[in-house]
């Protein structure tokens, strides 16, 4: 069976891509990586069996809740040890001959005859150049969100690597300009979370130039939240996937909220000033007031 172009969802963490990913996985032509890939990284047959079983009425919905879609970094690290936490973005030059062969074979083993288009999600560094080198026909969907909401959300989770400072996080050494900006705000964690969003967004801008324009789709989370069905009509068209009534019915069972104003409630007036100051130019650049 021919392995058709995979679809990769990318974007900064805490940008709403998780719910988008979960909804997309309801499409009857989409195969996806479940938690089984991390539990049994050497046995893709388990995940492939799940892809067949989730189309069974009643049983399928229960299975999807138990073995839900995942970013599967344990699985990815088995294929390429630096995939999960590189200190910089992964680019085409990082792909070796064995890796290109092993990754393409591994991902091809996850699809079925019915669910023949593989969908995956990874957050943080884009990894677009790396993946496009292995899959030249891949489709990339970049979901992004208001940087103020992202920065605030990062500070709500204990797994944010910024708590350890920029000398021990996942975004590499700060440039002199960004280091100065952070110091100017007394090494504020609010400022650092905002800086992380800027770093990832700038990396995404650079990465999208490594693929053909018709293989890269940019999507604002806020627009998706307002009209999820309309958004998915455009997305599946971009991916070359058929629309289905079954998929639309599944989409309409979800309730989505942007929660973009939460940062105004969570942060003090002084913290809000820091956040706005760090992000002012970037927010304007990406269409946020």
Protein backbone atom coordinates (compact mmCIF):
# COMPACT_ATOMS: atom_id res chain seq x y z
CA UNK A 1 0.00 0.00 0.00
CA UNK A 2 1.40 3.40 -0.99
CA UNK A 3 2.13 5.75 1.91
CA UNK A 4 0.49 9.07 1.05
CA UNK A 5 1.75 12.43 2.28
CA UNK A 6 1.58 12.61 6.08
CA UNK A 7 0.07 15.61 7.84
CA UNK A 8 2.05 17.30 10.61
CA UNK A 9 0.49 19.72 13.11
CA UNK A 10 3.14 22.07 14.52
CA UNK A 11 3.19 25.13 16.74
CA UNK A 12 4.22 26.56 20.09
CA UNK A 13 3.01 24.62 23.10
CA UNK A 14 -0.17 25.82 24.83
CA UNK A 15 -1.55 27.12 21.51
CA UNK A 16 -4.69 25.00 21.34
CA UNK A 17 -3.31 22.39 18.98
CA UNK A 18 -4.28 19.49 21.27
CA UNK A 19 -8.02 19.86 20.79
CA UNK A 20 -7.52 20.52 17.08
CA UNK A 21 -5.47 17.32 16.84
CA UNK A 22 -8.05 15.27 18.73
CA UNK A 23 -10.86 16.54 16.52
CA UNK A 24 -8.94 15.86 13.31
CA UNK A 25 -8.36 12.29 14.48
CA UNK A 26 -12.13 11.71 14.20
CA UNK A 27 -11.83 11.83 10.41
CA UNK A 28 -12.40 8.31 9.02
CA UNK A 29 -9.41 8.55 6.65
CA UNK A 30 -6.95 9.67 9.33
CA UNK A 31 -4.52 7.36 11.15
CA UNK A 32 -2.84 8.76 14.24
CA UNK A 33 -0.29 7.96 16.90
CA UNK A 34 -1.87 6.85 20.15
CA UNK A 35 -0.39 6.27 23.58
CA UNK A 36 0.23 2.70 22.40
CA UNK A 37 3.13 4.03 20.31
CA UNK A 38 4.87 5.19 23.49
CA UNK A 39 4.00 2.07 25.46
CA UNK A 40 5.11 -0.30 22.68
CA UNK A 41 7.45 1.70 20.42
CA UNK A 42 8.87 -1.46 18.82
CA UNK A 43 5.46 -2.88 17.98
CA UNK A 44 3.53 -0.61 15.57
CA UNK A 45 1.04 -3.42 14.90
CA UNK A 46 -0.72 -2.53 18.15
CA UNK A 47 -1.40 1.01 17.02
CA UNK A 48 -2.43 -0.20 13.57
CA UNK A 49 -4.89 -2.62 15.20
CA UNK A 50 -6.32 0.28 17.17
CA UNK A 51 -6.86 2.22 13.94
CA UNK A 52 -8.99 -0.65 12.66
CA UNK A 53 -10.87 -1.10 15.93
CA UNK A 54 -11.89 2.54 16.47
CA UNK A 55 -14.26 2.32 13.50
CA UNK A 56 -16.30 -0.36 15.27
CA UNK A 57 -19.55 1.23 16.59
CA UNK A 58 -19.63 1.90 20.36
CA UNK A 59 -16.31 0.15 20.95
CA UNK A 60 -14.39 2.71 18.92
CA UNK A 61 -15.25 5.72 21.06
CA UNK A 62 -14.25 3.86 24.22
CA UNK A 63 -10.94 2.82 22.71
CA UNK A 64 -10.13 6.36 21.60
CA UNK A 65 -10.69 7.64 25.14
CA UNK A 66 -8.42 4.96 26.57
CA UNK A 67 -5.70 5.15 23.91
CA UNK A 68 -5.98 8.80 23.00
CA UNK A 69 -3.96 10.73 20.39
CA UNK A 70 -0.54 11.72 21.67
CA UNK A 71 2.64 13.50 20.56
CA UNK A 72 4.47 10.25 21.34
CA UNK A 73 7.94 11.60 22.05
CA UNK A 74 9.14 8.27 23.42
CA UNK A 75 8.29 6.73 20.06
CA UNK A 76 9.89 9.59 18.13
CA UNK A 77 13.06 9.39 20.23
CA UNK A 78 13.37 5.72 19.32
CA UNK A 79 13.45 6.81 15.68
CA UNK A 80 15.65 9.86 16.24
CA UNK A 81 17.12 10.34 19.75
CA UNK A 82 17.14 14.14 19.55
CA UNK A 83 13.58 14.62 18.34
CA UNK A 84 11.87 15.42 21.63
CA UNK A 85 14.18 18.00 23.20
CA UNK A 86 16.71 19.49 20.80
CA UNK A 87 18.42 22.72 21.87
CA UNK A 88 17.51 24.27 18.49
CA UNK A 89 15.15 23.55 15.66
CA UNK A 90 15.72 20.36 13.67
CA UNK A 91 16.46 21.06 10.02
CA UNK A 92 17.07 19.13 6.82
CA UNK A 93 20.82 18.92 7.50
CA UNK A 94 20.11 16.87 10.63
CA UNK A 95 18.64 13.99 8.63
CA UNK A 96 21.06 11.11 8.10
CA UNK A 97 20.59 8.35 5.53
CA UNK A 98 19.63 5.68 8.12
CA UNK A 99 17.22 8.07 9.84
CA UNK A 100 15.49 8.97 6.60
CA UNK A 101 14.94 5.31 5.84
CA UNK A 102 13.90 4.23 9.33
CA UNK A 103 11.51 7.12 9.97
CA UNK A 104 9.77 6.76 6.61
CA UNK A 105 9.32 3.00 7.11
CA UNK A 106 8.15 3.41 10.71
CA UNK A 107 5.48 5.97 9.93
CA UNK A 108 4.29 4.03 6.89
CA UNK A 109 3.68 1.05 9.19
CA UNK A 110 1.08 2.99 11.20
CA UNK A 111 -1.56 3.46 8.51
CA UNK A 112 -4.28 1.07 7.35
CA UNK A 113 -6.06 0.63 4.05
CA UNK A 114 -9.03 2.67 5.32
CA UNK A 115 -7.14 5.15 7.50
CA UNK A 116 -4.43 5.83 4.97
CA UNK A 117 -3.38 9.39 5.88
CA UNK A 118 -1.15 9.69 8.93
CA UNK A 119 -1.63 12.69 11.21
CA UNK A 120 0.88 13.61 13.93
CA UNK A 121 1.42 16.58 16.23
CA UNK A 122 4.55 18.01 17.80
CA UNK A 123 4.95 21.29 19.66
CA UNK A 124 7.83 23.60 20.45
CA UNK A 125 10.48 23.74 17.73
CA UNK A 126 8.89 23.44 14.25
CA UNK A 127 11.02 20.50 13.01
CA UNK A 128 9.50 21.34 9.61
CA UNK A 129 12.76 21.25 7.66
CA UNK A 130 13.70 17.93 9.25
CA UNK A 131 10.35 16.28 8.47
CA UNK A 132 10.12 17.75 4.98
CA UNK A 133 13.52 16.27 4.14
CA UNK A 134 12.14 12.83 4.96
CA UNK A 135 8.66 13.45 3.49
CA UNK A 136 8.92 16.00 0.65
CA UNK A 137 5.18 15.81 -0.02
CA UNK A 138 4.16 16.27 3.63
CA UNK A 139 1.51 18.79 4.61
CA UNK A 140 2.18 21.10 7.57
CA UNK A 141 -0.46 22.89 9.63
CA UNK A 142 0.89 25.60 11.89
CA UNK A 143 -1.55 26.55 14.65
CA UNK A 144 -0.71 29.70 16.55
CA UNK A 145 -2.36 31.72 19.29
CA UNK A 146 -2.11 35.11 20.98
CA UNK A 147 1.31 35.15 22.64
CA UNK A 148 -0.11 36.66 25.84
CA UNK A 149 -2.41 33.66 26.30
CA UNK A 150 0.44 31.25 25.50
CA UNK A 151 2.87 32.88 27.94
CA UNK A 152 0.28 32.88 30.72
CA UNK A 153 -0.58 29.23 30.03
CA UNK A 154 3.08 28.22 30.15
CA UNK A 155 3.32 29.65 33.63
CA UNK A 156 0.44 27.46 34.82
CA UNK A 157 2.31 24.18 34.20
CA UNK A 158 5.17 22.65 36.16
CA UNK A 159 6.69 21.05 33.08
CA UNK A 160 7.56 24.41 31.49
CA UNK A 161 11.33 24.31 31.12
CA UNK A 162 11.60 28.08 31.61
CA UNK A 163 11.42 27.63 35.36
CA UNK A 164 15.03 26.40 35.16
CA UNK A 165 16.13 29.52 33.31
CA UNK A 166 17.40 29.98 29.73
CA UNK A 167 20.68 28.24 30.51
CA UNK A 168 18.81 24.98 31.12
CA UNK A 169 15.70 25.08 28.96
CA UNK A 170 14.69 23.81 25.52
CA UNK A 171 15.12 27.00 23.48
CA UNK A 172 18.89 27.34 23.47
CA UNK A 173 21.00 30.26 24.61
CA UNK A 174 19.29 33.64 24.44
CA UNK A 175 20.60 36.06 21.84
CA UNK A 176 22.31 39.15 23.30
CA UNK A 177 19.21 41.23 22.50
CA UNK A 178 16.82 38.77 24.18
CA UNK A 179 19.15 38.34 27.16
CA UNK A 180 19.21 42.11 27.57
CA UNK A 181 15.43 42.24 27.33
CA UNK A 182 15.08 39.59 30.02
CA UNK A 183 17.56 41.35 32.29
CA UNK A 184 15.72 44.65 31.76
CA UNK A 185 12.64 43.01 33.25
CA UNK A 186 14.60 41.68 36.26
CA UNK A 187 14.64 38.12 34.92
CA UNK A 188 10.87 37.95 35.14
CA UNK A 189 9.34 34.56 34.35
CA UNK A 190 6.49 36.41 32.64
CA UNK A 191 9.04 38.01 30.34
CA UNK A 192 10.80 34.69 29.74
CA UNK A 193 7.56 32.92 28.82
CA UNK A 194 6.81 35.72 26.37
CA UNK A 195 10.33 35.49 24.95
CA UNK A 196 9.88 31.76 24.41
CA UNK A 197 6.78 32.40 22.29
CA UNK A 198 8.73 34.89 20.19
CA UNK A 199 11.61 32.44 19.71
CA UNK A 200 9.32 29.64 18.54
CA UNK A 201 7.30 31.92 16.26
CA UNK A 202 10.48 33.26 14.64
CA UNK A 203 11.72 29.69 14.16
CA UNK A 204 8.41 28.84 12.50
CA UNK A 205 8.73 31.80 10.14
CA UNK A 206 12.17 30.53 9.10
CA UNK A 207 11.03 26.91 8.84
CA UNK A 208 8.08 27.54 6.54
CA UNK A 209 10.49 28.85 3.91
CA UNK A 210 11.97 25.36 3.69
CA UNK A 211 8.79 23.89 2.17
CA UNK A 212 6.59 24.71 -0.79
CA UNK A 213 3.93 27.31 -0.02
CA UNK A 214 1.12 24.93 -0.97
CA UNK A 215 2.34 22.44 1.66
CA UNK A 216 2.19 24.89 4.58
CA UNK A 217 -1.05 26.13 6.16
CA UNK A 218 -1.22 28.71 8.95
CA UNK A 219 -4.17 28.75 11.29
CA UNK A 220 -5.04 31.07 14.16
CA UNK A 221 -6.50 29.24 17.14
CA UNK A 222 -8.93 32.11 17.69
CA UNK A 223 -10.41 31.70 14.20
CA UNK A 224 -10.67 27.94 14.67
CA UNK A 225 -12.51 28.38 17.99
CA UNK A 226 -15.11 30.64 16.38
CA UNK A 227 -15.83 28.34 13.42
CA UNK A 228 -14.37 24.83 13.88
CA UNK A 229 -16.46 23.18 11.14
CA UNK A 230 -15.66 25.86 8.57
CA UNK A 231 -12.00 25.74 9.58
CA UNK A 232 -11.85 21.98 9.10
CA UNK A 233 -13.50 22.25 5.68
CA UNK A 234 -10.59 24.42 4.60
CA UNK A 235 -8.01 22.22 6.35
CA UNK A 236 -9.13 18.93 4.79
CA UNK A 237 -9.22 20.62 1.39
CA UNK A 238 -5.64 21.79 1.93
CA UNK A 239 -4.64 18.23 2.87
CA UNK A 240 -6.43 16.67 -0.10
CA UNK A 241 -8.72 14.67 2.18
CA UNK A 242 -12.41 14.03 1.52
CA UNK A 243 -15.09 15.71 3.62
CA UNK A 244 -17.62 13.42 5.27
CA UNK A 245 -20.92 13.84 7.11
CA UNK A 246 -19.65 11.48 9.79
CA UNK A 247 -16.70 13.76 10.43
CA UNK A 248 -18.91 16.84 10.63
CA UNK A 249 -21.21 15.16 13.15
CA UNK A 250 -18.17 14.33 15.30
CA UNK A 251 -16.88 17.91 15.10
CA UNK A 252 -20.18 19.32 16.31
CA UNK A 253 -19.92 17.37 19.56
CA UNK A 254 -16.98 19.52 20.71
CA UNK A 255 -17.26 22.79 22.61
CA UNK A 256 -14.32 25.17 22.22
CA UNK A 257 -13.43 28.39 24.02
CA UNK A 258 -10.38 30.58 23.42
CA UNK A 259 -9.90 31.61 27.08
CA UNK A 260 -7.62 34.29 25.64
CA UNK A 261 -8.57 36.87 28.24
CA UNK A 262 -7.43 34.71 31.14
CA UNK A 263 -4.03 36.39 31.31
CA UNK A 264 -5.74 39.64 32.36
CA UNK A 265 -7.25 37.85 35.37
CA UNK A 266 -4.20 35.77 36.28
CA UNK A 267 -1.47 38.40 36.05
CA UNK A 268 -0.99 41.49 38.19
CA UNK A 269 -1.07 44.93 36.59
CA UNK A 270 2.74 45.08 36.73
CA UNK A 271 3.07 41.63 35.14
CA UNK A 272 0.69 42.63 32.38
CA UNK A 273 2.87 45.64 31.60
CA UNK A 274 5.91 43.34 31.29
CA UNK A 275 4.02 40.94 29.03
CA UNK A 276 2.75 43.68 26.75
CA UNK A 277 6.15 45.34 26.56
CA UNK A 278 7.97 42.14 25.57
CA UNK A 279 5.37 41.13 23.00
CA UNK A 280 4.26 44.48 21.56
CA UNK A 281 6.00 44.25 18.17
CA UNK A 282 5.39 40.51 17.76
CA UNK A 283 1.68 40.81 18.54
CA UNK A 284 1.28 43.44 15.86
CA UNK A 285 3.26 41.32 13.43
CA UNK A 286 0.97 38.33 13.88
CA UNK A 287 -2.27 40.29 13.80
CA UNK A 288 -3.06 40.73 17.49
CA UNK A 289 -4.07 44.07 18.96
